[in-house]
Amino acid sequence: MTVRARRWRRAAAMACLACVALARAADAAASVQVTVRTDDLDRFYRVYDAAHGKPDAAVLQAGYLDPATPGLKLYLAAHIRSAARLQHAIAASPQDYADARQCIAPLAEAKARLPAVFERLVELVPTARIAPVSFVIGLDDTGGNTTPDGVIVGIEKMCHATWVGADVATRFVHIVAHEMAHVQQPSAQVDAPNPTLLYQSLLEGGAELIGELTSGGVINPQLGAWTRGRECAIEREFKKDAFGTDLSHWMYHGVGTRDRPGDLGYWVGYRIAKAYVANAGDRKQAIADLLDVDNDNAAAFLARSGWAPQTGC
């Protein structure tokens, strides 16, 4: 066989392998079934408009909660809990509920972009479960939520969460990507007793990293800007608190202040997760390890990650 013939055969073989890879990727993409529901929003605003922006518990129950989609029913049981609580939230922050309507139209673009996000998730995690996504109206206190049976997004909260990004559709794509990553984390489906700061930060930071890999962005981009030049001090402070169970200084306390933004634990957890994946020989196995982090193995994960606080503060 001539050199030219060998080169042709090698090129043909490479092309064939590329075709097989593309076909497998296409099959994986085609197998991704996406359920994204927004009909709860239509019902809410029919009730809201009929009551001139001041619906009482009875009309909220009859017109919005009783005919709820499966996603809203889960969210009702887990979080809203009663029409009276929802009535109180609307009365407490009327402008947020009035303004949330402007975020409904961009959901069409977000819905169109989500299948590609989920296809990338399946490429990263072949066993990924793509749970239903529901956009609903809630208590104006939480944007993204993960239940055992789906992702729930409260648009009244996310609509004014401008720190996630100025473009509304992109904002919703990033939050869904983050929450769909939580669907893949077994430990995110249960409440760990006395979770350490390290574990909770890895849980959220892992979802940030997977969300970034699948959607192109994280849900806390403002932290990257604020921490620039402060990395050393923040990471050393985190290491000091990492194995304790007091989350109040690091997690789940809102936007925070100009001097210290909220949820810095997300940022540190993301950096540890990114270091683990970057230093691993097998990227897919590293991502699988990241998704399997729990309260018991978080310390071992940290030790294997190669992450350490910067020095020379």
C-alpha atoms as a PDB file:
ATOM      1  CA  MET A   1       0.000   0.000   0.000  1.00  0.00           C
ATOM      2  CA  THR A   2       1.403   3.376  -0.957  1.00  0.00           C
ATOM      3  CA  VAL A   3       1.917   6.178   1.540  1.00  0.00           C
ATOM      4  CA  ARG A   4      -0.782   8.111  -0.272  1.00  0.00           C
ATOM      5  CA  ALA A   5      -3.209   5.180   0.040  1.00  0.00           C
ATOM      6  CA  ARG A   6      -2.431   4.783   3.734  1.00  0.00           C
ATOM      7  CA  ARG A   7      -3.060   8.482   4.298  1.00  0.00           C
ATOM      8  CA  TRP A   8      -6.366   8.260   2.429  1.00  0.00           C
ATOM      9  CA  ARG A   9      -7.480   5.229   4.441  1.00  0.00           C
ATOM     10  CA  ARG A  10      -6.459   6.912   7.704  1.00  0.00           C
ATOM     11  CA  ALA A  11      -8.354  10.075   6.711  1.00  0.00           C
ATOM     12  CA  ALA A  12     -11.388   8.002   5.757  1.00  0.00           C
ATOM     13  CA  ALA A  13     -11.262   6.184   9.084  1.00  0.00           C
ATOM     14  CA  MET A  14     -11.031   9.465  10.957  1.00  0.00           C
ATOM     15  CA  ALA A  15     -13.962  10.848   8.984  1.00  0.00           C
ATOM     16  CA  CYS A  16     -15.952   7.714   9.753  1.00  0.00           C
ATOM     17  CA  LEU A  17     -15.231   8.048  13.479  1.00  0.00           C
ATOM     18  CA  ALA A  18     -16.263  11.691  13.329  1.00  0.00           C
ATOM     19  CA  CYS A  19     -19.516  10.698  11.621  1.00  0.00           C
ATOM     20  CA  VAL A  20     -20.205   8.097  14.304  1.00  0.00           C
ATOM     21  CA  ALA A  21     -19.531  10.662  17.039  1.00  0.00           C
ATOM     22  CA  LEU A  22     -21.838  13.169  15.365  1.00  0.00           C
ATOM     23  CA  ALA A  23     -24.529  10.537  14.938  1.00  0.00           C
ATOM     24  CA  ARG A  24     -24.292   9.566  18.603  1.00  0.00           C
ATOM     25  CA  ALA A  25     -24.479  13.220  19.645  1.00  0.00           C
ATOM     26  CA  ALA A  26     -27.495  13.701  17.380  1.00  0.00           C
ATOM     27  CA  ASP A  27     -29.170  10.626  18.879  1.00  0.00           C
ATOM     28  CA  ALA A  28     -28.502  11.923  22.399  1.00  0.00           C
ATOM     29  CA  ALA A  29     -29.885  15.329  21.486  1.00  0.00           C
ATOM     30  CA  ALA A  30     -32.952  13.808  19.885  1.00  0.00           C
ATOM     31  CA  SER A  31     -33.598  11.777  23.036  1.00  0.00           C
ATOM     32  CA  VAL A  32     -33.762  14.893  25.220  1.00  0.00           C
ATOM     33  CA  GLN A  33     -37.422  15.529  25.921  1.00  0.00           C
ATOM     34  CA  VAL A  34     -38.122  19.019  27.187  1.00  0.00           C
ATOM     35  CA  THR A  35     -41.220  19.983  29.153  1.00  0.00           C
ATOM     36  CA  VAL A  36     -41.440  23.703  29.950  1.00  0.00           C
ATOM     37  CA  ARG A  37     -44.742  25.049  31.263  1.00  0.00           C
ATOM     38  CA  THR A  38     -45.876  28.647  31.605  1.00  0.00           C
ATOM     39  CA  ASP A  39     -49.664  28.229  31.799  1.00  0.00           C
ATOM     40  CA  ASP A  40     -49.744  28.939  35.542  1.00  0.00           C
ATOM     41  CA  LEU A  41     -48.638  32.479  34.725  1.00  0.00           C
ATOM     42  CA  ASP A  42     -51.605  33.072  32.442  1.00  0.00           C
ATOM     43  CA  ARG A  43     -54.018  31.931  35.129  1.00  0.00           C
ATOM     44  CA  PHE A  44     -52.359  34.021  37.816  1.00  0.00           C
ATOM     45  CA  TYR A  45     -52.622  37.240  35.823  1.00  0.00           C
ATOM     46  CA  ARG A  46     -56.245  36.597  34.916  1.00  0.00           C
ATOM     47  CA  VAL A  47     -56.989  36.429  38.645  1.00  0.00           C
ATOM     48  CA  TYR A  48     -54.665  39.354  39.371  1.00  0.00           C
ATOM     49  CA  ASP A  49     -56.240  41.611  36.735  1.00  0.00           C
ATOM     50  CA  ALA A  50     -59.787  40.761  37.742  1.00  0.00           C
ATOM     51  CA  ALA A  51     -58.912  41.821  41.306  1.00  0.00           C
ATOM     52  CA  HIS A  52     -57.139  44.996  40.098  1.00  0.00           C
ATOM     53  CA  GLY A  53     -53.836  43.784  41.495  1.00  0.00           C
ATOM     54  CA  LYS A  54     -55.220  42.924  44.931  1.00  0.00           C
ATOM     55  CA  PRO A  55     -56.470  39.331  44.822  1.00  0.00           C
ATOM     56  CA  ASP A  56     -57.601  37.829  48.101  1.00  0.00           C
ATOM     57  CA  ALA A  57     -56.875  34.310  49.268  1.00  0.00           C
ATOM     58  CA  ALA A  58     -60.197  32.910  48.061  1.00  0.00           C
ATOM     59  CA  VAL A  59     -59.783  34.005  44.444  1.00  0.00           C
ATOM     60  CA  LEU A  60     -56.116  32.986  44.407  1.00  0.00           C
ATOM     61  CA  GLN A  61     -57.105  29.552  45.626  1.00  0.00           C
ATOM     62  CA  ALA A  62     -59.943  29.074  43.162  1.00  0.00           C
ATOM     63  CA  GLY A  63     -58.398  30.671  40.089  1.00  0.00           C
ATOM     64  CA  TYR A  64     -54.689  30.013  40.472  1.00  0.00           C
ATOM     65  CA  LEU A  65     -53.901  27.243  42.956  1.00  0.00           C
ATOM     66  CA  ASP A  66     -56.764  24.793  42.566  1.00  0.00           C
ATOM     67  CA  PRO A  67     -56.204  24.333  38.791  1.00  0.00           C
ATOM     68  CA  ALA A  68     -52.412  24.265  39.278  1.00  0.00           C
ATOM     69  CA  THR A  69     -50.095  22.369  36.953  1.00  0.00           C
ATOM     70  CA  PRO A  70     -48.104  19.512  38.521  1.00  0.00           C
ATOM     71  CA  GLY A  71     -45.129  21.820  39.002  1.00  0.00           C
ATOM     72  CA  LEU A  72     -47.123  24.479  40.817  1.00  0.00           C
ATOM     73  CA  LYS A  73     -48.781  21.809  42.974  1.00  0.00           C
ATOM     74  CA  LEU A  74     -45.335  20.660  44.098  1.00  0.00           C
ATOM     75  CA  TYR A  75     -44.277  24.237  44.755  1.00  0.00           C
ATOM     76  CA  LEU A  76     -47.475  24.922  46.657  1.00  0.00           C
ATOM     77  CA  ALA A  77     -46.890  21.962  48.950  1.00  0.00           C
ATOM     78  CA  ALA A  78     -43.185  22.638  49.445  1.00  0.00           C
ATOM     79  CA  HIS A  79     -43.051  26.400  49.625  1.00  0.00           C
ATOM     80  CA  ILE A  80     -46.139  28.558  49.080  1.00  0.00           C
ATOM     81  CA  ARG A  81     -48.211  26.357  51.398  1.00  0.00           C
ATOM     82  CA  SER A  82     -51.372  28.505  51.355  1.00  0.00           C
ATOM     83  CA  ALA A  83     -53.287  31.096  49.372  1.00  0.00           C
ATOM     84  CA  ALA A  84     -53.223  33.344  52.434  1.00  0.00           C
ATOM     85  CA  ARG A  85     -49.419  33.424  52.366  1.00  0.00           C
ATOM     86  CA  LEU A  86     -49.487  34.304  48.684  1.00  0.00           C
ATOM     87  CA  GLN A  87     -52.026  37.075  49.270  1.00  0.00           C
ATOM     88  CA  HIS A  88     -49.787  38.508  51.989  1.00  0.00           C
ATOM     89  CA  ALA A  89     -46.711  38.420  49.710  1.00  0.00           C
ATOM     90  CA  ILE A  90     -48.545  40.277  46.933  1.00  0.00           C
ATOM     91  CA  ALA A  91     -49.743  42.918  49.375  1.00  0.00           C
ATOM     92  CA  ALA A  92     -46.235  43.306  50.817  1.00  0.00           C
ATOM     93  CA  SER A  93     -44.482  43.813  47.448  1.00  0.00           C
ATOM     94  CA  PRO A  94     -47.147  44.913  44.957  1.00  0.00           C
ATOM     95  CA  GLN A  95     -44.691  46.434  42.482  1.00  0.00           C
ATOM     96  CA  ASP A  96     -42.755  43.194  42.094  1.00  0.00           C
ATOM     97  CA  TYR A  97     -45.914  41.356  41.031  1.00  0.00           C
ATOM     98  CA  ALA A  98     -46.959  44.163  38.720  1.00  0.00           C
ATOM     99  CA  ASP A  99     -43.498  44.261  37.114  1.00  0.00           C
ATOM    100  CA  ALA A 100     -43.166  40.479  36.777  1.00  0.00           C
ATOM    101  CA  ARG A 101     -45.595  40.509  33.871  1.00  0.00           C
ATOM    102  CA  GLN A 102     -42.945  42.136  31.661  1.00  0.00           C
ATOM    103  CA  CYS A 103     -40.800  39.021  32.013  1.00  0.00           C
ATOM    104  CA  ILE A 104     -43.415  36.687  30.521  1.00  0.00           C
ATOM    105  CA  ALA A 105     -42.773  37.597  26.875  1.00  0.00           C
ATOM    106  CA  PRO A 106     -38.997  36.835  27.050  1.00  0.00           C
ATOM    107  CA  LEU A 107     -39.812  33.339  28.309  1.00  0.00           C
ATOM    108  CA  ALA A 108     -40.533  32.312  24.716  1.00  0.00           C
ATOM    109  CA  GLU A 109     -36.900  32.947  23.800  1.00  0.00           C
ATOM    110  CA  ALA A 110     -35.698  31.217  26.964  1.00  0.00           C
ATOM    111  CA  LYS A 111     -37.822  28.144  26.165  1.00  0.00           C
ATOM    112  CA  ALA A 112     -36.373  28.021  22.651  1.00  0.00           C
ATOM    113  CA  ARG A 113     -32.818  28.046  24.027  1.00  0.00           C
ATOM    114  CA  LEU A 114     -33.284  25.428  26.741  1.00  0.00           C
ATOM    115  CA  PRO A 115     -33.179  22.282  24.545  1.00  0.00           C
ATOM    116  CA  ALA A 116     -29.583  23.092  23.553  1.00  0.00           C
ATOM    117  CA  VAL A 117     -28.702  23.572  27.235  1.00  0.00           C
ATOM    118  CA  PHE A 118     -30.153  20.190  28.113  1.00  0.00           C
ATOM    119  CA  GLU A 119     -28.400  18.527  25.172  1.00  0.00           C
ATOM    120  CA  ARG A 120     -25.080  19.799  26.505  1.00  0.00           C
ATOM    121  CA  LEU A 121     -25.992  18.487  29.944  1.00  0.00           C
ATOM    122  CA  VAL A 122     -26.616  15.020  28.514  1.00  0.00           C
ATOM    123  CA  GLU A 123     -23.252  15.181  26.735  1.00  0.00           C
ATOM    124  CA  LEU A 124     -21.553  15.987  30.058  1.00  0.00           C
ATOM    125  CA  VAL A 125     -23.659  13.594  32.123  1.00  0.00           C
ATOM    126  CA  PRO A 126     -24.993  10.748  29.937  1.00  0.00           C
ATOM    127  CA  THR A 127     -27.282   9.593  32.757  1.00  0.00           C
ATOM    128  CA  ALA A 128     -28.766  13.079  33.261  1.00  0.00           C
ATOM    129  CA  ARG A 129     -32.467  13.320  33.986  1.00  0.00           C
ATOM    130  CA  ILE A 130     -34.148  16.267  32.310  1.00  0.00           C
ATOM    131  CA  ALA A 131     -36.937  17.133  34.713  1.00  0.00           C
ATOM    132  CA  PRO A 132     -39.967  19.265  33.796  1.00  0.00           C
ATOM    133  CA  VAL A 133     -39.550  23.024  34.163  1.00  0.00           C
ATOM    134  CA  SER A 134     -42.381  25.227  35.431  1.00  0.00           C
ATOM    135  CA  PHE A 135     -42.447  29.015  35.513  1.00  0.00           C
ATOM    136  CA  VAL A 136     -44.810  30.166  38.243  1.00  0.00           C
ATOM    137  CA  ILE A 137     -45.660  33.014  40.591  1.00  0.00           C
ATOM    138  CA  GLY A 138     -44.585  32.479  44.188  1.00  0.00           C
ATOM    139  CA  LEU A 139     -43.866  34.389  47.386  1.00  0.00           C
ATOM    140  CA  ASP A 140     -41.233  36.762  45.945  1.00  0.00           C
ATOM    141  CA  ASP A 141     -38.536  35.186  48.075  1.00  0.00           C
ATOM    142  CA  THR A 142     -36.867  32.589  45.884  1.00  0.00           C
ATOM    143  CA  GLY A 143     -36.090  32.402  42.189  1.00  0.00           C
ATOM    144  CA  GLY A 144     -34.964  28.873  41.337  1.00  0.00           C
ATOM    145  CA  ASN A 145     -36.120  25.772  43.156  1.00  0.00           C
ATOM    146  CA  THR A 146     -35.612  22.054  42.693  1.00  0.00           C
ATOM    147  CA  THR A 147     -38.187  19.526  43.800  1.00  0.00           C
ATOM    148  CA  PRO A 148     -37.804  15.747  43.401  1.00  0.00           C
ATOM    149  CA  ASP A 149     -39.994  16.006  40.294  1.00  0.00           C
ATOM    150  CA  GLY A 150     -38.951  19.199  38.581  1.00  0.00           C
ATOM    151  CA  VAL A 151     -37.461  22.664  38.383  1.00  0.00           C
ATOM    152  CA  ILE A 152     -39.641  25.569  39.519  1.00  0.00           C
ATOM    153  CA  VAL A 153     -38.809  29.195  38.749  1.00  0.00           C
ATOM    154  CA  GLY A 154     -40.613  32.061  40.470  1.00  0.00           C
ATOM    155  CA  ILE A 155     -40.644  34.811  37.875  1.00  0.00           C
ATOM    156  CA  GLU A 156     -41.651  37.549  40.327  1.00  0.00           C
ATOM    157  CA  LYS A 157     -38.263  37.077  42.014  1.00  0.00           C
ATOM    158  CA  MET A 158     -36.148  36.451  38.943  1.00  0.00           C
ATOM    159  CA  CYS A 159     -37.689  39.330  37.017  1.00  0.00           C
ATOM    160  CA  HIS A 160     -36.006  41.904  39.245  1.00  0.00           C
ATOM    161  CA  ALA A 161     -32.835  39.843  39.848  1.00  0.00           C
ATOM    162  CA  THR A 162     -30.866  42.104  37.530  1.00  0.00           C
ATOM    163  CA  TRP A 163     -27.563  41.059  39.118  1.00  0.00           C
ATOM    164  CA  VAL A 164     -27.927  37.744  37.235  1.00  0.00           C
ATOM    165  CA  GLY A 165     -27.823  39.671  33.956  1.00  0.00           C
ATOM    166  CA  ALA A 166     -29.543  42.469  32.085  1.00  0.00           C
ATOM    167  CA  ASP A 167     -31.022  40.231  29.383  1.00  0.00           C
ATOM    168  CA  VAL A 168     -34.177  38.641  30.773  1.00  0.00           C
ATOM    169  CA  ALA A 169     -34.231  35.526  28.576  1.00  0.00           C
ATOM    170  CA  THR A 170     -30.572  34.792  29.357  1.00  0.00           C
ATOM    171  CA  ARG A 171     -31.280  35.253  33.051  1.00  0.00           C
ATOM    172  CA  PHE A 172     -33.954  32.545  32.931  1.00  0.00           C
ATOM    173  CA  VAL A 173     -31.758  30.206  30.881  1.00  0.00           C
ATOM    174  CA  HIS A 174     -28.971  30.457  33.478  1.00  0.00           C
ATOM    175  CA  ILE A 175     -31.257  29.843  36.457  1.00  0.00           C
ATOM    176  CA  VAL A 176     -32.863  26.800  34.811  1.00  0.00           C
ATOM    177  CA  ALA A 177     -29.430  25.398  33.917  1.00  0.00           C
ATOM    178  CA  HIS A 178     -28.297  25.838  37.529  1.00  0.00           C
ATOM    179  CA  GLU A 179     -31.395  24.183  38.936  1.00  0.00           C
ATOM    180  CA  MET A 180     -31.263  21.327  36.405  1.00  0.00           C
ATOM    181  CA  ALA A 181     -27.747  20.640  37.655  1.00  0.00           C
ATOM    182  CA  HIS A 182     -29.225  20.269  41.144  1.00  0.00           C
ATOM    183  CA  VAL A 183     -31.600  17.635  39.740  1.00  0.00           C
ATOM    184  CA  GLN A 184     -28.508  15.530  38.989  1.00  0.00           C
ATOM    185  CA  GLN A 185     -27.160  15.826  42.564  1.00  0.00           C
ATOM    186  CA  PRO A 186     -28.590  13.062  44.793  1.00  0.00           C
ATOM    187  CA  SER A 187     -27.722  15.009  47.940  1.00  0.00           C
ATOM    188  CA  ALA A 188     -29.665  18.044  46.697  1.00  0.00           C
ATOM    189  CA  GLN A 189     -32.856  16.008  46.975  1.00  0.00           C
ATOM    190  CA  VAL A 190     -32.560  15.549  50.748  1.00  0.00           C
ATOM    191  CA  ASP A 191     -31.861  17.836  53.676  1.00  0.00           C
ATOM    192  CA  ALA A 192     -28.553  16.880  55.260  1.00  0.00           C
ATOM    193  CA  PRO A 193     -28.494  17.212  59.052  1.00  0.00           C
ATOM    194  CA  ASN A 194     -26.032  19.913  60.096  1.00  0.00           C
ATOM    195  CA  PRO A 195     -24.543  20.543  56.646  1.00  0.00           C
ATOM    196  CA  THR A 196     -21.081  22.057  56.687  1.00  0.00           C
ATOM    197  CA  LEU A 197     -20.331  25.271  54.859  1.00  0.00           C
ATOM    198  CA  LEU A 198     -17.939  23.321  52.630  1.00  0.00           C
ATOM    199  CA  TYR A 199     -20.593  20.818  51.569  1.00  0.00           C
ATOM    200  CA  GLN A 200     -23.269  23.435  50.930  1.00  0.00           C
ATOM    201  CA  SER A 201     -20.809  25.551  48.942  1.00  0.00           C
ATOM    202  CA  LEU A 202     -19.796  22.559  46.822  1.00  0.00           C
ATOM    203  CA  LEU A 203     -23.446  21.735  46.215  1.00  0.00           C
ATOM    204  CA  GLU A 204     -24.145  25.248  44.933  1.00  0.00           C
ATOM    205  CA  GLY A 205     -20.737  25.800  43.366  1.00  0.00           C
ATOM    206  CA  GLY A 206     -21.054  22.513  41.511  1.00  0.00           C
ATOM    207  CA  ALA A 207     -24.410  23.615  40.119  1.00  0.00           C
ATOM    208  CA  GLU A 208     -22.815  26.925  39.136  1.00  0.00           C
ATOM    209  CA  LEU A 209     -20.069  25.137  37.215  1.00  0.00           C
ATOM    210  CA  ILE A 210     -22.426  22.692  35.464  1.00  0.00           C
ATOM    211  CA  GLY A 211     -24.760  25.577  34.696  1.00  0.00           C
ATOM    212  CA  GLU A 212     -21.890  27.503  33.151  1.00  0.00           C
ATOM    213  CA  LEU A 213     -20.763  24.535  31.061  1.00  0.00           C
ATOM    214  CA  THR A 214     -24.275  24.011  29.706  1.00  0.00           C
ATOM    215  CA  SER A 215     -25.690  27.536  29.441  1.00  0.00           C
ATOM    216  CA  GLY A 216     -22.601  29.700  29.203  1.00  0.00           C
ATOM    217  CA  GLY A 217     -23.070  31.547  32.492  1.00  0.00           C
ATOM    218  CA  VAL A 218     -23.616  31.341  36.243  1.00  0.00           C
ATOM    219  CA  ILE A 219     -26.422  32.790  38.347  1.00  0.00           C
ATOM    220  CA  ASN A 220     -24.085  34.935  40.437  1.00  0.00           C
ATOM    221  CA  PRO A 221     -21.860  36.713  37.891  1.00  0.00           C
ATOM    222  CA  GLN A 222     -21.618  39.753  40.148  1.00  0.00           C
ATOM    223  CA  LEU A 223     -19.474  37.752  42.567  1.00  0.00           C
ATOM    224  CA  GLY A 224     -16.744  37.297  39.971  1.00  0.00           C
ATOM    225  CA  ALA A 225     -16.456  41.052  39.540  1.00  0.00           C
ATOM    226  CA  TRP A 226     -16.643  41.940  43.243  1.00  0.00           C
ATOM    227  CA  THR A 227     -14.082  39.363  44.351  1.00  0.00           C
ATOM    228  CA  ARG A 228     -11.433  40.442  41.837  1.00  0.00           C
ATOM    229  CA  GLY A 229      -8.400  41.486  43.870  1.00  0.00           C
ATOM    230  CA  ARG A 230      -9.980  40.105  47.060  1.00  0.00           C
ATOM    231  CA  GLU A 231      -9.595  36.393  46.265  1.00  0.00           C
ATOM    232  CA  CYS A 232      -6.850  35.720  48.794  1.00  0.00           C
ATOM    233  CA  ALA A 233      -8.608  37.183  51.812  1.00  0.00           C
ATOM    234  CA  ILE A 234     -11.974  35.635  50.945  1.00  0.00           C
ATOM    235  CA  GLU A 235     -10.583  32.153  50.371  1.00  0.00           C
ATOM    236  CA  ARG A 236      -8.537  32.197  53.560  1.00  0.00           C
ATOM    237  CA  GLU A 237     -11.614  33.313  55.493  1.00  0.00           C
ATOM    238  CA  PHE A 238     -13.644  30.547  53.865  1.00  0.00           C
ATOM    239  CA  LYS A 239     -11.113  27.868  54.773  1.00  0.00           C
ATOM    240  CA  LYS A 240     -11.320  28.954  58.392  1.00  0.00           C
ATOM    241  CA  ASP A 241     -15.125  28.499  58.379  1.00  0.00           C
ATOM    242  CA  ALA A 242     -15.386  25.607  55.906  1.00  0.00           C
ATOM    243  CA  PHE A 243     -15.956  22.739  58.318  1.00  0.00           C
ATOM    244  CA  GLY A 244     -18.392  24.590  60.545  1.00  0.00           C
ATOM    245  CA  THR A 245     -22.159  24.545  60.165  1.00  0.00           C
ATOM    246  CA  ASP A 246     -22.852  28.280  60.367  1.00  0.00           C
ATOM    247  CA  LEU A 247     -23.843  29.271  56.822  1.00  0.00           C
ATOM    248  CA  SER A 248     -25.173  32.725  57.682  1.00  0.00           C
ATOM    249  CA  HIS A 249     -22.069  34.635  56.594  1.00  0.00           C
ATOM    250  CA  TRP A 250     -21.712  32.798  53.280  1.00  0.00           C
ATOM    251  CA  MET A 251     -24.962  31.352  51.953  1.00  0.00           C
ATOM    252  CA  TYR A 252     -28.618  32.129  51.307  1.00  0.00           C
ATOM    253  CA  HIS A 253     -28.771  35.678  52.602  1.00  0.00           C
ATOM    254  CA  GLY A 254     -29.769  37.562  49.504  1.00  0.00           C
ATOM    255  CA  VAL A 255     -27.940  40.215  47.541  1.00  0.00           C
ATOM    256  CA  GLY A 256     -25.933  41.411  50.532  1.00  0.00           C
ATOM    257  CA  THR A 257     -24.333  44.835  50.771  1.00  0.00           C
ATOM    258  CA  ARG A 258     -21.893  46.936  48.788  1.00  0.00           C
ATOM    259  CA  ASP A 259     -19.177  45.937  51.266  1.00  0.00           C
ATOM    260  CA  ARG A 260     -19.969  42.228  51.097  1.00  0.00           C
ATOM    261  CA  PRO A 261     -22.317  40.660  48.542  1.00  0.00           C
ATOM    262  CA  GLY A 262     -24.442  37.707  49.533  1.00  0.00           C
ATOM    263  CA  ASP A 263     -23.788  34.069  48.685  1.00  0.00           C
ATOM    264  CA  LEU A 264     -20.002  34.200  48.492  1.00  0.00           C
ATOM    265  CA  GLY A 265     -20.075  30.498  49.306  1.00  0.00           C
ATOM    266  CA  TYR A 266     -21.356  29.893  45.760  1.00  0.00           C
ATOM    267  CA  TRP A 267     -18.249  31.600  44.402  1.00  0.00           C
ATOM    268  CA  VAL A 268     -15.765  29.652  46.533  1.00  0.00           C
ATOM    269  CA  GLY A 269     -17.577  26.373  45.872  1.00  0.00           C
ATOM    270  CA  TYR A 270     -17.445  27.085  42.142  1.00  0.00           C
ATOM    271  CA  ARG A 271     -13.697  27.678  42.314  1.00  0.00           C
ATOM    272  CA  ILE A 272     -13.114  24.416  44.184  1.00  0.00           C
ATOM    273  CA  ALA A 273     -15.331  22.519  41.732  1.00  0.00           C
ATOM    274  CA  LYS A 274     -13.560  24.076  38.752  1.00  0.00           C
ATOM    275  CA  ALA A 275     -10.146  23.173  40.197  1.00  0.00           C
ATOM    276  CA  TYR A 276     -11.250  19.561  40.707  1.00  0.00           C
ATOM    277  CA  VAL A 277     -12.454  19.181  37.124  1.00  0.00           C
ATOM    278  CA  ALA A 278      -9.422  20.996  35.681  1.00  0.00           C
ATOM    279  CA  ASN A 279      -6.957  18.811  37.604  1.00  0.00           C
ATOM    280  CA  ALA A 280      -8.682  15.506  36.873  1.00  0.00           C
ATOM    281  CA  GLY A 281      -7.434  13.126  34.209  1.00  0.00           C
ATOM    282  CA  ASP A 282     -10.949  12.003  33.313  1.00  0.00           C
ATOM    283  CA  ARG A 283     -13.251  15.005  32.908  1.00  0.00           C
ATOM    284  CA  LYS A 284     -16.509  13.051  32.779  1.00  0.00           C
ATOM    285  CA  GLN A 285     -15.582  11.102  35.907  1.00  0.00           C
ATOM    286  CA  ALA A 286     -14.645  14.356  37.613  1.00  0.00           C
ATOM    287  CA  ILE A 287     -18.061  15.794  36.823  1.00  0.00           C
ATOM    288  CA  ALA A 288     -19.696  12.601  38.117  1.00  0.00           C
ATOM    289  CA  ASP A 289     -17.665  12.945  41.335  1.00  0.00           C
ATOM    290  CA  LEU A 290     -18.746  16.570  41.629  1.00  0.00           C
ATOM    291  CA  LEU A 291     -22.410  15.655  41.329  1.00  0.00           C
ATOM    292  CA  ASP A 292     -22.006  12.970  44.010  1.00  0.00           C
ATOM    293  CA  VAL A 293     -20.580  15.285  46.681  1.00  0.00           C
ATOM    294  CA  ASP A 294     -22.415  15.019  49.986  1.00  0.00           C
ATOM    295  CA  ASN A 295     -21.940  16.126  53.577  1.00  0.00           C
ATOM    296  CA  ASP A 296     -19.810  13.063  54.354  1.00  0.00           C
ATOM    297  CA  ASN A 297     -17.389  13.130  51.425  1.00  0.00           C
ATOM    298  CA  ALA A 298     -17.011  16.902  50.935  1.00  0.00           C
ATOM    299  CA  ALA A 299     -13.737  17.056  52.876  1.00  0.00           C
ATOM    300  CA  ALA A 300     -12.209  14.259  50.787  1.00  0.00           C
ATOM    301  CA  PHE A 301     -13.369  15.997  47.612  1.00  0.00           C
ATOM    302  CA  LEU A 302     -11.667  19.196  48.730  1.00  0.00           C
ATOM    303  CA  ALA A 303      -8.436  17.334  49.454  1.00  0.00           C
ATOM    304  CA  ARG A 304      -8.429  15.793  45.956  1.00  0.00           C
ATOM    305  CA  SER A 305      -9.371  19.024  44.182  1.00  0.00           C
ATOM    306  CA  GLY A 306      -5.969  20.657  44.296  1.00  0.00           C
ATOM    307  CA  TRP A 307      -7.619  23.881  45.447  1.00  0.00           C
ATOM    308  CA  ALA A 308      -5.979  25.914  48.177  1.00  0.00           C
ATOM    309  CA  PRO A 309      -6.486  29.502  49.295  1.00  0.00           C
ATOM    310  CA  GLN A 310      -4.152  32.011  47.737  1.00  0.00           C
ATOM    311  CA  THR A 311      -1.331  33.262  49.894  1.00  0.00           C
ATOM    312  CA  GLY A 312       0.276  36.633  50.381  1.00  0.00           C
ATOM    313  CA  CYS A 313      -2.819  38.621  51.274  1.00  0.00           C
END
